[in-house]
PDB file of N, CA and C in Angstrom:
ATOM      1  N   MET A   1     -12.014  -2.933 -53.508  1.00  0.00           N
ATOM      2  CA  MET A   1     -13.264  -3.147 -52.811  1.00  0.00           C
ATOM      3  C   MET A   1     -13.042  -3.843 -51.471  1.00  0.00           C
ATOM      4  N   ALA A   2     -12.103  -4.754 -51.418  1.00  0.00           N
ATOM      5  CA  ALA A   2     -11.829  -5.452 -50.167  1.00  0.00           C
ATOM      6  C   ALA A   2     -11.362  -4.479 -49.094  1.00  0.00           C
ATOM      7  N   LYS A   3     -10.603  -3.455 -49.498  1.00  0.00           N
ATOM      8  CA  LYS A   3     -10.136  -2.474 -48.523  1.00  0.00           C
ATOM      9  C   LYS A   3     -11.301  -1.708 -47.912  1.00  0.00           C
ATOM     10  N   SER A   4     -12.278  -1.318 -48.716  1.00  0.00           N
ATOM     11  CA  SER A   4     -13.404  -0.557 -48.179  1.00  0.00           C
ATOM     12  C   SER A   4     -14.240  -1.407 -47.233  1.00  0.00           C
ATOM     13  N   ILE A   5     -14.405  -2.692 -47.526  1.00  0.00           N
ATOM     14  CA  ILE A   5     -15.135  -3.587 -46.635  1.00  0.00           C
ATOM     15  C   ILE A   5     -14.375  -3.734 -45.324  1.00  0.00           C
ATOM     16  N   LYS A   6     -13.056  -3.887 -45.419  1.00  0.00           N
ATOM     17  CA  LYS A   6     -12.243  -4.012 -44.217  1.00  0.00           C
ATOM     18  C   LYS A   6     -12.324  -2.735 -43.391  1.00  0.00           C
ATOM     19  N   LYS A   7     -12.310  -1.575 -44.040  1.00  0.00           N
ATOM     20  CA  LYS A   7     -12.380  -0.307 -43.321  1.00  0.00           C
ATOM     21  C   LYS A   7     -13.705  -0.193 -42.573  1.00  0.00           C
ATOM     22  N   VAL A   8     -14.801  -0.516 -43.213  1.00  0.00           N
ATOM     23  CA  VAL A   8     -16.116  -0.473 -42.568  1.00  0.00           C
ATOM     24  C   VAL A   8     -16.143  -1.453 -41.405  1.00  0.00           C
ATOM     25  N   SER A   9     -15.594  -2.638 -41.607  1.00  0.00           N
ATOM     26  CA  SER A   9     -15.556  -3.643 -40.548  1.00  0.00           C
ATOM     27  C   SER A   9     -14.771  -3.130 -39.352  1.00  0.00           C
ATOM     28  N   ASN A  10     -13.619  -2.498 -39.594  1.00  0.00           N
ATOM     29  CA  ASN A  10     -12.811  -1.948 -38.509  1.00  0.00           C
ATOM     30  C   ASN A  10     -13.553  -0.844 -37.780  1.00  0.00           C
ATOM     31  N   GLU A  11     -14.284   0.011 -38.524  1.00  0.00           N
ATOM     32  CA  GLU A  11     -15.040   1.080 -37.893  1.00  0.00           C
ATOM     33  C   GLU A  11     -16.133   0.510 -36.998  1.00  0.00           C
ATOM     34  N   LEU A  12     -16.780  -0.564 -37.422  1.00  0.00           N
ATOM     35  CA  LEU A  12     -17.796  -1.198 -36.599  1.00  0.00           C
ATOM     36  C   LEU A  12     -17.168  -1.786 -35.342  1.00  0.00           C
ATOM     37  N   ASN A  13     -15.973  -2.364 -35.476  1.00  0.00           N
ATOM     38  CA  ASN A  13     -15.290  -2.919 -34.318  1.00  0.00           C
ATOM     39  C   ASN A  13     -14.949  -1.832 -33.315  1.00  0.00           C
ATOM     40  N   VAL A  14     -14.567  -0.652 -33.776  1.00  0.00           N
ATOM     41  CA  VAL A  14     -14.259   0.451 -32.875  1.00  0.00           C
ATOM     42  C   VAL A  14     -15.514   0.823 -32.094  1.00  0.00           C
ATOM     43  N   GLY A  15     -16.651   0.907 -32.782  1.00  0.00           N
ATOM     44  CA  GLY A  15     -17.908   1.208 -32.101  1.00  0.00           C
ATOM     45  C   GLY A  15     -18.251   0.157 -31.062  1.00  0.00           C
ATOM     46  N   ASP A  16     -18.053  -1.110 -31.416  1.00  0.00           N
ATOM     47  CA  ASP A  16     -18.311  -2.198 -30.469  1.00  0.00           C
ATOM     48  C   ASP A  16     -17.379  -2.089 -29.263  1.00  0.00           C
ATOM     49  N   ASP A  17     -16.111  -1.729 -29.507  1.00  0.00           N
ATOM     50  CA  ASP A  17     -15.150  -1.568 -28.423  1.00  0.00           C
ATOM     51  C   ASP A  17     -15.564  -0.443 -27.482  1.00  0.00           C
ATOM     52  N   ILE A  18     -16.042   0.662 -28.046  1.00  0.00           N
ATOM     53  CA  ILE A  18     -16.487   1.783 -27.227  1.00  0.00           C
ATOM     54  C   ILE A  18     -17.680   1.366 -26.378  1.00  0.00           C
ATOM     55  N   ILE A  19     -18.643   0.690 -26.999  1.00  0.00           N
ATOM     56  CA  ILE A  19     -19.829   0.245 -26.262  1.00  0.00           C
ATOM     57  C   ILE A  19     -19.426  -0.718 -25.151  1.00  0.00           C
ATOM     58  N   GLU A  20     -18.543  -1.657 -25.454  1.00  0.00           N
ATOM     59  CA  GLU A  20     -18.085  -2.601 -24.434  1.00  0.00           C
ATOM     60  C   GLU A  20     -17.395  -1.860 -23.289  1.00  0.00           C
ATOM     61  N   GLY A  21     -16.577  -0.868 -23.627  1.00  0.00           N
ATOM     62  CA  GLY A  21     -15.906  -0.082 -22.595  1.00  0.00           C
ATOM     63  C   GLY A  21     -16.885   0.671 -21.718  1.00  0.00           C
ATOM     64  N   LEU A  22     -17.910   1.251 -22.338  1.00  0.00           N
ATOM     65  CA  LEU A  22     -18.910   1.991 -21.566  1.00  0.00           C
ATOM     66  C   LEU A  22     -19.731   1.056 -20.678  1.00  0.00           C
ATOM     67  N   VAL A  23     -20.021  -0.144 -21.160  1.00  0.00           N
ATOM     68  CA  VAL A  23     -20.716  -1.138 -20.336  1.00  0.00           C
ATOM     69  C   VAL A  23     -19.857  -1.488 -19.126  1.00  0.00           C
ATOM     70  N   ASN A  24     -18.549  -1.652 -19.345  1.00  0.00           N
ATOM     71  CA  ASN A  24     -17.642  -1.945 -18.234  1.00  0.00           C
ATOM     72  C   ASN A  24     -17.569  -0.784 -17.255  1.00  0.00           C
ATOM     73  N   VAL A  25     -17.589   0.453 -17.769  1.00  0.00           N
ATOM     74  CA  VAL A  25     -17.577   1.638 -16.901  1.00  0.00           C
ATOM     75  C   VAL A  25     -18.814   1.621 -16.001  1.00  0.00           C
ATOM     76  N   LEU A  26     -19.978   1.357 -16.590  1.00  0.00           N
ATOM     77  CA  LEU A  26     -21.205   1.311 -15.791  1.00  0.00           C
ATOM     78  C   LEU A  26     -21.148   0.199 -14.750  1.00  0.00           C
ATOM     79  N   ALA A  27     -20.665  -0.976 -15.147  1.00  0.00           N
ATOM     80  CA  ALA A  27     -20.555  -2.089 -14.205  1.00  0.00           C
ATOM     81  C   ALA A  27     -19.613  -1.716 -13.065  1.00  0.00           C
ATOM     82  N   PHE A  28     -18.499  -1.100 -13.398  1.00  0.00           N
ATOM     83  CA  PHE A  28     -17.529  -0.684 -12.383  1.00  0.00           C
ATOM     84  C   PHE A  28     -18.147   0.324 -11.426  1.00  0.00           C
ATOM     85  N   SER A  29     -18.921   1.274 -11.983  1.00  0.00           N
ATOM     86  CA  SER A  29     -19.526   2.307 -11.136  1.00  0.00           C
ATOM     87  C   SER A  29     -20.567   1.725 -10.186  1.00  0.00           C
ATOM     88  N   HIS A  30     -21.083   0.537 -10.518  1.00  0.00           N
ATOM     89  CA  HIS A  30     -22.052  -0.126  -9.643  1.00  0.00           C
ATOM     90  C   HIS A  30     -21.393  -1.174  -8.743  1.00  0.00           C
ATOM     91  N   GLY A  31     -20.076  -1.150  -8.671  1.00  0.00           N
ATOM     92  CA  GLY A  31     -19.367  -2.020  -7.740  1.00  0.00           C
ATOM     93  C   GLY A  31     -18.802  -3.289  -8.323  1.00  0.00           C
ATOM     94  N   ASP A  32     -19.083  -3.596  -9.578  1.00  0.00           N
ATOM     95  CA  ASP A  32     -18.543  -4.795 -10.217  1.00  0.00           C
ATOM     96  C   ASP A  32     -17.144  -4.465 -10.726  1.00  0.00           C
ATOM     97  N   ARG A  33     -16.148  -5.054 -10.146  1.00  0.00           N
ATOM     98  CA  ARG A  33     -14.759  -4.727 -10.507  1.00  0.00           C
ATOM     99  C   ARG A  33     -14.345  -5.348 -11.845  1.00  0.00           C
ATOM    100  N   CYS A  34     -15.070  -6.280 -12.365  1.00  0.00           N
ATOM    101  CA  CYS A  34     -14.938  -6.906 -13.692  1.00  0.00           C
ATOM    102  C   CYS A  34     -13.499  -6.996 -14.207  1.00  0.00           C
ATOM    103  N   ASN A  35     -12.575  -7.299 -13.317  1.00  0.00           N
ATOM    104  CA  ASN A  35     -11.176  -7.529 -13.697  1.00  0.00           C
ATOM    105  C   ASN A  35     -10.588  -6.404 -14.540  1.00  0.00           C
ATOM    106  N   VAL A  36     -10.866  -5.171 -14.155  1.00  0.00           N
ATOM    107  CA  VAL A  36     -10.301  -4.033 -14.871  1.00  0.00           C
ATOM    108  C   VAL A  36      -9.363  -3.268 -13.960  1.00  0.00           C
ATOM    109  N   ARG A  37      -8.423  -2.633 -14.567  1.00  0.00           N
ATOM    110  CA  ARG A  37      -7.507  -1.758 -13.856  1.00  0.00           C
ATOM    111  C   ARG A  37      -7.927  -0.340 -14.208  1.00  0.00           C
ATOM    112  N   VAL A  38      -8.134   0.484 -13.210  1.00  0.00           N
ATOM    113  CA  VAL A  38      -8.651   1.823 -13.439  1.00  0.00           C
ATOM    114  C   VAL A  38      -7.645   2.862 -12.993  1.00  0.00           C
ATOM    115  N   HIS A  39      -7.368   3.797 -13.882  1.00  0.00           N
ATOM    116  CA  HIS A  39      -6.547   4.954 -13.541  1.00  0.00           C
ATOM    117  C   HIS A  39      -7.493   6.132 -13.372  1.00  0.00           C
ATOM    118  N   MET A  40      -7.483   6.747 -12.218  1.00  0.00           N
ATOM    119  CA  MET A  40      -8.363   7.870 -11.962  1.00  0.00           C
ATOM    120  C   MET A  40      -7.604   9.170 -12.242  1.00  0.00           C
ATOM    121  N   PRO A  41      -8.016   9.915 -13.255  1.00  0.00           N
ATOM    122  CA  PRO A  41      -7.316  11.154 -13.571  1.00  0.00           C
ATOM    123  C   PRO A  41      -7.390  12.140 -12.415  1.00  0.00           C
ATOM    124  N   SER A  42      -6.286  12.789 -12.151  1.00  0.00           N
ATOM    125  CA  SER A  42      -6.286  13.846 -11.147  1.00  0.00           C
ATOM    126  C   SER A  42      -6.762  15.134 -11.815  1.00  0.00           C
ATOM    127  N   ALA A  43      -6.912  16.182 -11.024  1.00  0.00           N
ATOM    128  CA  ALA A  43      -7.348  17.470 -11.569  1.00  0.00           C
ATOM    129  C   ALA A  43      -6.397  17.941 -12.665  1.00  0.00           C
ATOM    130  N   SER A  44      -5.098  17.726 -12.471  1.00  0.00           N
ATOM    131  CA  SER A  44      -4.145  18.167 -13.491  1.00  0.00           C
ATOM    132  C   SER A  44      -4.289  17.351 -14.763  1.00  0.00           C
ATOM    133  N   ASN A  45      -4.700  16.087 -14.647  1.00  0.00           N
ATOM    134  CA  ASN A  45      -4.910  15.267 -15.831  1.00  0.00           C
ATOM    135  C   ASN A  45      -6.060  15.792 -16.682  1.00  0.00           C
ATOM    136  N   VAL A  46      -7.067  16.355 -16.051  1.00  0.00           N
ATOM    137  CA  VAL A  46      -8.185  16.914 -16.802  1.00  0.00           C
ATOM    138  C   VAL A  46      -7.671  18.010 -17.726  1.00  0.00           C
ATOM    139  N   ARG A  47      -6.866  18.897 -17.200  1.00  0.00           N
ATOM    140  CA  ARG A  47      -6.288  19.978 -18.004  1.00  0.00           C
ATOM    141  C   ARG A  47      -5.374  19.403 -19.090  1.00  0.00           C
ATOM    142  N   GLU A  48      -4.570  18.413 -18.738  1.00  0.00           N
ATOM    143  CA  GLU A  48      -3.655  17.808 -19.709  1.00  0.00           C
ATOM    144  C   GLU A  48      -4.422  17.169 -20.866  1.00  0.00           C
ATOM    145  N   ILE A  49      -5.498  16.467 -20.545  1.00  0.00           N
ATOM    146  CA  ILE A  49      -6.310  15.839 -21.591  1.00  0.00           C
ATOM    147  C   ILE A  49      -6.830  16.913 -22.533  1.00  0.00           C
ATOM    148  N   ARG A  50      -7.391  17.966 -21.953  1.00  0.00           N
ATOM    149  CA  ARG A  50      -7.963  19.051 -22.763  1.00  0.00           C
ATOM    150  C   ARG A  50      -6.890  19.749 -23.590  1.00  0.00           C
ATOM    151  N   LYS A  51      -5.755  20.022 -22.984  1.00  0.00           N
ATOM    152  CA  LYS A  51      -4.662  20.702 -23.702  1.00  0.00           C
ATOM    153  C   LYS A  51      -4.090  19.808 -24.801  1.00  0.00           C
ATOM    154  N   THR A  52      -3.983  18.521 -24.542  1.00  0.00           N
ATOM    155  CA  THR A  52      -3.495  17.592 -25.559  1.00  0.00           C
ATOM    156  C   THR A  52      -4.395  17.614 -26.787  1.00  0.00           C
ATOM    157  N   LEU A  53      -5.690  17.779 -26.553  1.00  0.00           N
ATOM    158  CA  LEU A  53      -6.653  17.842 -27.657  1.00  0.00           C
ATOM    159  C   LEU A  53      -6.726  19.231 -28.279  1.00  0.00           C
ATOM    160  N   ARG A  54      -5.955  20.169 -27.715  1.00  0.00           N
ATOM    161  CA  ARG A  54      -5.920  21.557 -28.204  1.00  0.00           C
ATOM    162  C   ARG A  54      -7.319  22.176 -28.239  1.00  0.00           C
ATOM    163  N   MET A  55      -8.020  22.027 -27.125  1.00  0.00           N
ATOM    164  CA  MET A  55      -9.376  22.556 -27.020  1.00  0.00           C
ATOM    165  C   MET A  55      -9.456  23.548 -25.871  1.00  0.00           C
ATOM    166  N   SER A  56     -10.255  24.573 -26.073  1.00  0.00           N
ATOM    167  CA  SER A  56     -10.554  25.482 -24.971  1.00  0.00           C
ATOM    168  C   SER A  56     -11.447  24.736 -23.982  1.00  0.00           C
ATOM    169  N   ARG A  57     -11.534  25.266 -22.796  1.00  0.00           N
ATOM    170  CA  ARG A  57     -12.397  24.650 -21.797  1.00  0.00           C
ATOM    171  C   ARG A  57     -13.844  24.608 -22.300  1.00  0.00           C
ATOM    172  N   GLU A  58     -14.289  25.706 -22.913  1.00  0.00           N
ATOM    173  CA  GLU A  58     -15.661  25.783 -23.398  1.00  0.00           C
ATOM    174  C   GLU A  58     -15.919  24.762 -24.517  1.00  0.00           C
ATOM    175  N   ARG A  59     -14.971  24.627 -25.430  1.00  0.00           N
ATOM    176  CA  ARG A  59     -15.123  23.686 -26.544  1.00  0.00           C
ATOM    177  C   ARG A  59     -15.133  22.238 -26.036  1.00  0.00           C
ATOM    178  N   PHE A  60     -14.191  21.922 -25.143  1.00  0.00           N
ATOM    179  CA  PHE A  60     -14.108  20.583 -24.565  1.00  0.00           C
ATOM    180  C   PHE A  60     -15.419  20.242 -23.864  1.00  0.00           C
ATOM    181  N   ALA A  61     -15.931  21.200 -23.093  1.00  0.00           N
ATOM    182  CA  ALA A  61     -17.184  20.994 -22.371  1.00  0.00           C
ATOM    183  C   ALA A  61     -18.334  20.737 -23.339  1.00  0.00           C
ATOM    184  N   LYS A  62     -18.402  21.511 -24.405  1.00  0.00           N
ATOM    185  CA  LYS A  62     -19.492  21.370 -25.368  1.00  0.00           C
ATOM    186  C   LYS A  62     -19.412  20.027 -26.111  1.00  0.00           C
ATOM    187  N   VAL A  63     -18.227  19.672 -26.570  1.00  0.00           N
ATOM    188  CA  VAL A  63     -18.063  18.443 -27.353  1.00  0.00           C
ATOM    189  C   VAL A  63     -18.355  17.201 -26.504  1.00  0.00           C
ATOM    190  N   TYR A  64     -17.881  17.186 -25.246  1.00  0.00           N
ATOM    191  CA  TYR A  64     -17.983  15.981 -24.430  1.00  0.00           C
ATOM    192  C   TYR A  64     -19.061  16.042 -23.348  1.00  0.00           C
ATOM    193  N   GLY A  65     -19.845  17.134 -23.320  1.00  0.00           N
ATOM    194  CA  GLY A  65     -21.002  17.188 -22.436  1.00  0.00           C
ATOM    195  C   GLY A  65     -20.735  17.542 -20.989  1.00  0.00           C
ATOM    196  N   PHE A  66     -19.707  18.334 -20.745  1.00  0.00           N
ATOM    197  CA  PHE A  66     -19.404  18.773 -19.383  1.00  0.00           C
ATOM    198  C   PHE A  66     -19.876  20.207 -19.164  1.00  0.00           C
ATOM    199  N   ASP A  67     -20.078  20.565 -17.917  1.00  0.00           N
ATOM    200  CA  ASP A  67     -20.336  21.944 -17.532  1.00  0.00           C
ATOM    201  C   ASP A  67     -18.972  22.657 -17.492  1.00  0.00           C
ATOM    202  N   PRO A  68     -18.801  23.767 -18.231  1.00  0.00           N
ATOM    203  CA  PRO A  68     -17.498  24.454 -18.249  1.00  0.00           C
ATOM    204  C   PRO A  68     -17.028  24.892 -16.860  1.00  0.00           C
ATOM    205  N   GLU A  69     -17.956  25.290 -16.002  1.00  0.00           N
ATOM    206  CA  GLU A  69     -17.577  25.710 -14.645  1.00  0.00           C
ATOM    207  C   GLU A  69     -17.071  24.529 -13.823  1.00  0.00           C
ATOM    208  N   LEU A  70     -17.670  23.357 -14.035  1.00  0.00           N
ATOM    209  CA  LEU A  70     -17.216  22.154 -13.350  1.00  0.00           C
ATOM    210  C   LEU A  70     -15.808  21.781 -13.820  1.00  0.00           C
ATOM    211  N   LEU A  71     -15.571  21.886 -15.125  1.00  0.00           N
ATOM    212  CA  LEU A  71     -14.210  21.626 -15.637  1.00  0.00           C
ATOM    213  C   LEU A  71     -13.204  22.570 -14.989  1.00  0.00           C
ATOM    214  N   ARG A  72     -13.561  23.837 -14.900  1.00  0.00           N
ATOM    215  CA  ARG A  72     -12.667  24.816 -14.276  1.00  0.00           C
ATOM    216  C   ARG A  72     -12.364  24.408 -12.830  1.00  0.00           C
ATOM    217  N   ASP A  73     -13.409  24.011 -12.098  1.00  0.00           N
ATOM    218  CA  ASP A  73     -13.210  23.595 -10.704  1.00  0.00           C
ATOM    219  C   ASP A  73     -12.295  22.378 -10.612  1.00  0.00           C
ATOM    220  N   TRP A  74     -12.465  21.414 -11.527  1.00  0.00           N
ATOM    221  CA  TRP A  74     -11.583  20.248 -11.545  1.00  0.00           C
ATOM    222  C   TRP A  74     -10.155  20.669 -11.835  1.00  0.00           C
ATOM    223  N   GLU A  75      -9.990  21.503 -12.844  1.00  0.00           N
ATOM    224  CA  GLU A  75      -8.643  21.903 -13.258  1.00  0.00           C
ATOM    225  C   GLU A  75      -7.935  22.731 -12.187  1.00  0.00           C
ATOM    226  N   GLN A  76      -8.687  23.489 -11.429  1.00  0.00           N
ATOM    227  CA  GLN A  76      -8.089  24.335 -10.398  1.00  0.00           C
ATOM    228  C   GLN A  76      -8.038  23.649  -9.037  1.00  0.00           C
ATOM    229  N   GLY A  77      -8.464  22.395  -8.979  1.00  0.00           N
ATOM    230  CA  GLY A  77      -8.353  21.609  -7.760  1.00  0.00           C
ATOM    231  C   GLY A  77      -9.411  21.909  -6.706  1.00  0.00           C
ATOM    232  N   ARG A  78     -10.429  22.664  -7.059  1.00  0.00           N
ATOM    233  CA  ARG A  78     -11.493  22.953  -6.093  1.00  0.00           C
ATOM    234  C   ARG A  78     -12.428  21.762  -5.908  1.00  0.00           C
ATOM    235  N   ARG A  79     -12.565  20.956  -6.948  1.00  0.00           N
ATOM    236  CA  ARG A  79     -13.378  19.746  -6.902  1.00  0.00           C
ATOM    237  C   ARG A  79     -12.645  18.655  -7.661  1.00  0.00           C
ATOM    238  N   CYS A  80     -13.062  17.419  -7.428  1.00  0.00           N
ATOM    239  CA  CYS A  80     -12.478  16.271  -8.152  1.00  0.00           C
ATOM    240  C   CYS A  80     -13.585  15.550  -8.904  1.00  0.00           C
ATOM    241  N   PRO A  81     -13.265  15.047 -10.096  1.00  0.00           N
ATOM    242  CA  PRO A  81     -14.260  14.273 -10.844  1.00  0.00           C
ATOM    243  C   PRO A  81     -14.659  13.024 -10.060  1.00  0.00           C
ATOM    244  N   ASP A  82     -15.961  12.686 -10.092  1.00  0.00           N
ATOM    245  CA  ASP A  82     -16.394  11.445  -9.457  1.00  0.00           C
ATOM    246  C   ASP A  82     -15.905  10.266 -10.295  1.00  0.00           C
ATOM    247  N   GLN A  83     -16.169   9.057  -9.832  1.00  0.00           N
ATOM    248  CA  GLN A  83     -15.642   7.868 -10.516  1.00  0.00           C
ATOM    249  C   GLN A  83     -16.139   7.746 -11.945  1.00  0.00           C
ATOM    250  N   ILE A  84     -17.400   8.040 -12.179  1.00  0.00           N
ATOM    251  CA  ILE A  84     -17.934   7.920 -13.537  1.00  0.00           C
ATOM    252  C   ILE A  84     -17.273   8.946 -14.449  1.00  0.00           C
ATOM    253  N   ALA A  85     -17.146  10.181 -13.982  1.00  0.00           N
ATOM    254  CA  ALA A  85     -16.502  11.227 -14.783  1.00  0.00           C
ATOM    255  C   ALA A  85     -15.038  10.877 -15.035  1.00  0.00           C
ATOM    256  N   GLN A  86     -14.369  10.322 -14.035  1.00  0.00           N
ATOM    257  CA  GLN A  86     -12.975   9.927 -14.199  1.00  0.00           C
ATOM    258  C   GLN A  86     -12.834   8.851 -15.271  1.00  0.00           C
ATOM    259  N   ALA A  87     -13.727   7.877 -15.246  1.00  0.00           N
ATOM    260  CA  ALA A  87     -13.680   6.817 -16.256  1.00  0.00           C
ATOM    261  C   ALA A  87     -13.964   7.384 -17.642  1.00  0.00           C
ATOM    262  N   TYR A  88     -14.931   8.283 -17.728  1.00  0.00           N
ATOM    263  CA  TYR A  88     -15.269   8.932 -18.999  1.00  0.00           C
ATOM    264  C   TYR A  88     -14.080   9.735 -19.517  1.00  0.00           C
ATOM    265  N   LEU A  89     -13.406  10.454 -18.646  1.00  0.00           N
ATOM    266  CA  LEU A  89     -12.219  11.218 -19.047  1.00  0.00           C
ATOM    267  C   LEU A  89     -11.124  10.297 -19.575  1.00  0.00           C
ATOM    268  N   LYS A  90     -10.994   9.145 -18.959  1.00  0.00           N
ATOM    269  CA  LYS A  90      -9.996   8.167 -19.411  1.00  0.00           C
ATOM    270  C   LYS A  90     -10.316   7.702 -20.831  1.00  0.00           C
ATOM    271  N   VAL A  91     -11.594   7.448 -21.111  1.00  0.00           N
ATOM    272  CA  VAL A  91     -12.000   7.032 -22.454  1.00  0.00           C
ATOM    273  C   VAL A  91     -11.740   8.163 -23.445  1.00  0.00           C
ATOM    274  N   ILE A  92     -12.078   9.397 -23.068  1.00  0.00           N
ATOM    275  CA  ILE A  92     -11.830  10.552 -23.936  1.00  0.00           C
ATOM    276  C   ILE A  92     -10.338  10.676 -24.238  1.00  0.00           C
ATOM    277  N   ALA A  93      -9.502  10.496 -23.229  1.00  0.00           N
ATOM    278  CA  ALA A  93      -8.054  10.617 -23.420  1.00  0.00           C
ATOM    279  C   ALA A  93      -7.535   9.592 -24.419  1.00  0.00           C
ATOM    280  N   LYS A  94      -8.085   8.392 -24.397  1.00  0.00           N
ATOM    281  CA  LYS A  94      -7.612   7.320 -25.279  1.00  0.00           C
ATOM    282  C   LYS A  94      -8.248   7.358 -26.664  1.00  0.00           C
ATOM    283  N   MET A  95      -9.512   7.800 -26.755  1.00  0.00           N
ATOM    284  CA  MET A  95     -10.254   7.716 -28.018  1.00  0.00           C
ATOM    285  C   MET A  95     -11.114   8.968 -28.229  1.00  0.00           C
ATOM    286  N   PRO A  96     -10.519  10.140 -28.275  1.00  0.00           N
ATOM    287  CA  PRO A  96     -11.318  11.370 -28.337  1.00  0.00           C
ATOM    288  C   PRO A  96     -12.212  11.485 -29.567  1.00  0.00           C
ATOM    289  N   LYS A  97     -11.690  11.148 -30.720  1.00  0.00           N
ATOM    290  CA  LYS A  97     -12.487  11.260 -31.955  1.00  0.00           C
ATOM    291  C   LYS A  97     -13.649  10.275 -31.946  1.00  0.00           C
ATOM    292  N   GLU A  98     -13.376   9.064 -31.483  1.00  0.00           N
ATOM    293  CA  GLU A  98     -14.401   8.032 -31.472  1.00  0.00           C
ATOM    294  C   GLU A  98     -15.536   8.402 -30.505  1.00  0.00           C
ATOM    295  N   VAL A  99     -15.175   8.940 -29.336  1.00  0.00           N
ATOM    296  CA  VAL A  99     -16.185   9.352 -28.367  1.00  0.00           C
ATOM    297  C   VAL A  99     -17.063  10.455 -28.969  1.00  0.00           C
ATOM    298  N   ALA A 100     -16.437  11.446 -29.573  1.00  0.00           N
ATOM    299  CA  ALA A 100     -17.201  12.543 -30.191  1.00  0.00           C
ATOM    300  C   ALA A 100     -18.110  11.999 -31.297  1.00  0.00           C
ATOM    301  N   THR A 101     -17.612  11.060 -32.079  1.00  0.00           N
ATOM    302  CA  THR A 101     -18.417  10.470 -33.155  1.00  0.00           C
ATOM    303  C   THR A 101     -19.630   9.753 -32.587  1.00  0.00           C
ATOM    304  N   VAL A 102     -19.440   8.979 -31.535  1.00  0.00           N
ATOM    305  CA  VAL A 102     -20.540   8.250 -30.927  1.00  0.00           C
ATOM    306  C   VAL A 102     -21.557   9.228 -30.334  1.00  0.00           C
ATOM    307  N   LEU A 103     -21.088  10.284 -29.698  1.00  0.00           N
ATOM    308  CA  LEU A 103     -21.988  11.243 -29.075  1.00  0.00           C
ATOM    309  C   LEU A 103     -22.848  11.983 -30.097  1.00  0.00           C
ATOM    310  N   TYR A 104     -22.306  12.194 -31.269  1.00  0.00           N
ATOM    311  CA  TYR A 104     -23.026  12.983 -32.271  1.00  0.00           C
ATOM    312  C   TYR A 104     -23.540  12.156 -33.446  1.00  0.00           C
ATOM    313  N   ALA A 105     -23.577  10.832 -33.278  1.00  0.00           N
ATOM    314  CA  ALA A 105     -24.065   9.948 -34.349  1.00  0.00           C
ATOM    315  C   ALA A 105     -25.573  10.012 -34.461  1.00  0.00           C
TER     316      ALA A 105
END
């Protein structure tokens, strides 16, 4: 029984971590640097993230809420993700299952 309580507690902590990260992303996008280091994915990183997750462009777009044509433009270097999209991609790269769970909860 202690293991199941610990598991639930850990799952709640993951949710809290995601929420805290998203709050920091919003603060950063509004100019508050909040002592964070930000890596901005390049167009090739977008493709790498998607390929690492073994998802088609259409599936990745559907699961994470992107326009498939916009993803194509990012991947082909015609456009670059804005700062908010870049931060979101970084979160997806680090915690893909957790992001999908939060989006569909």
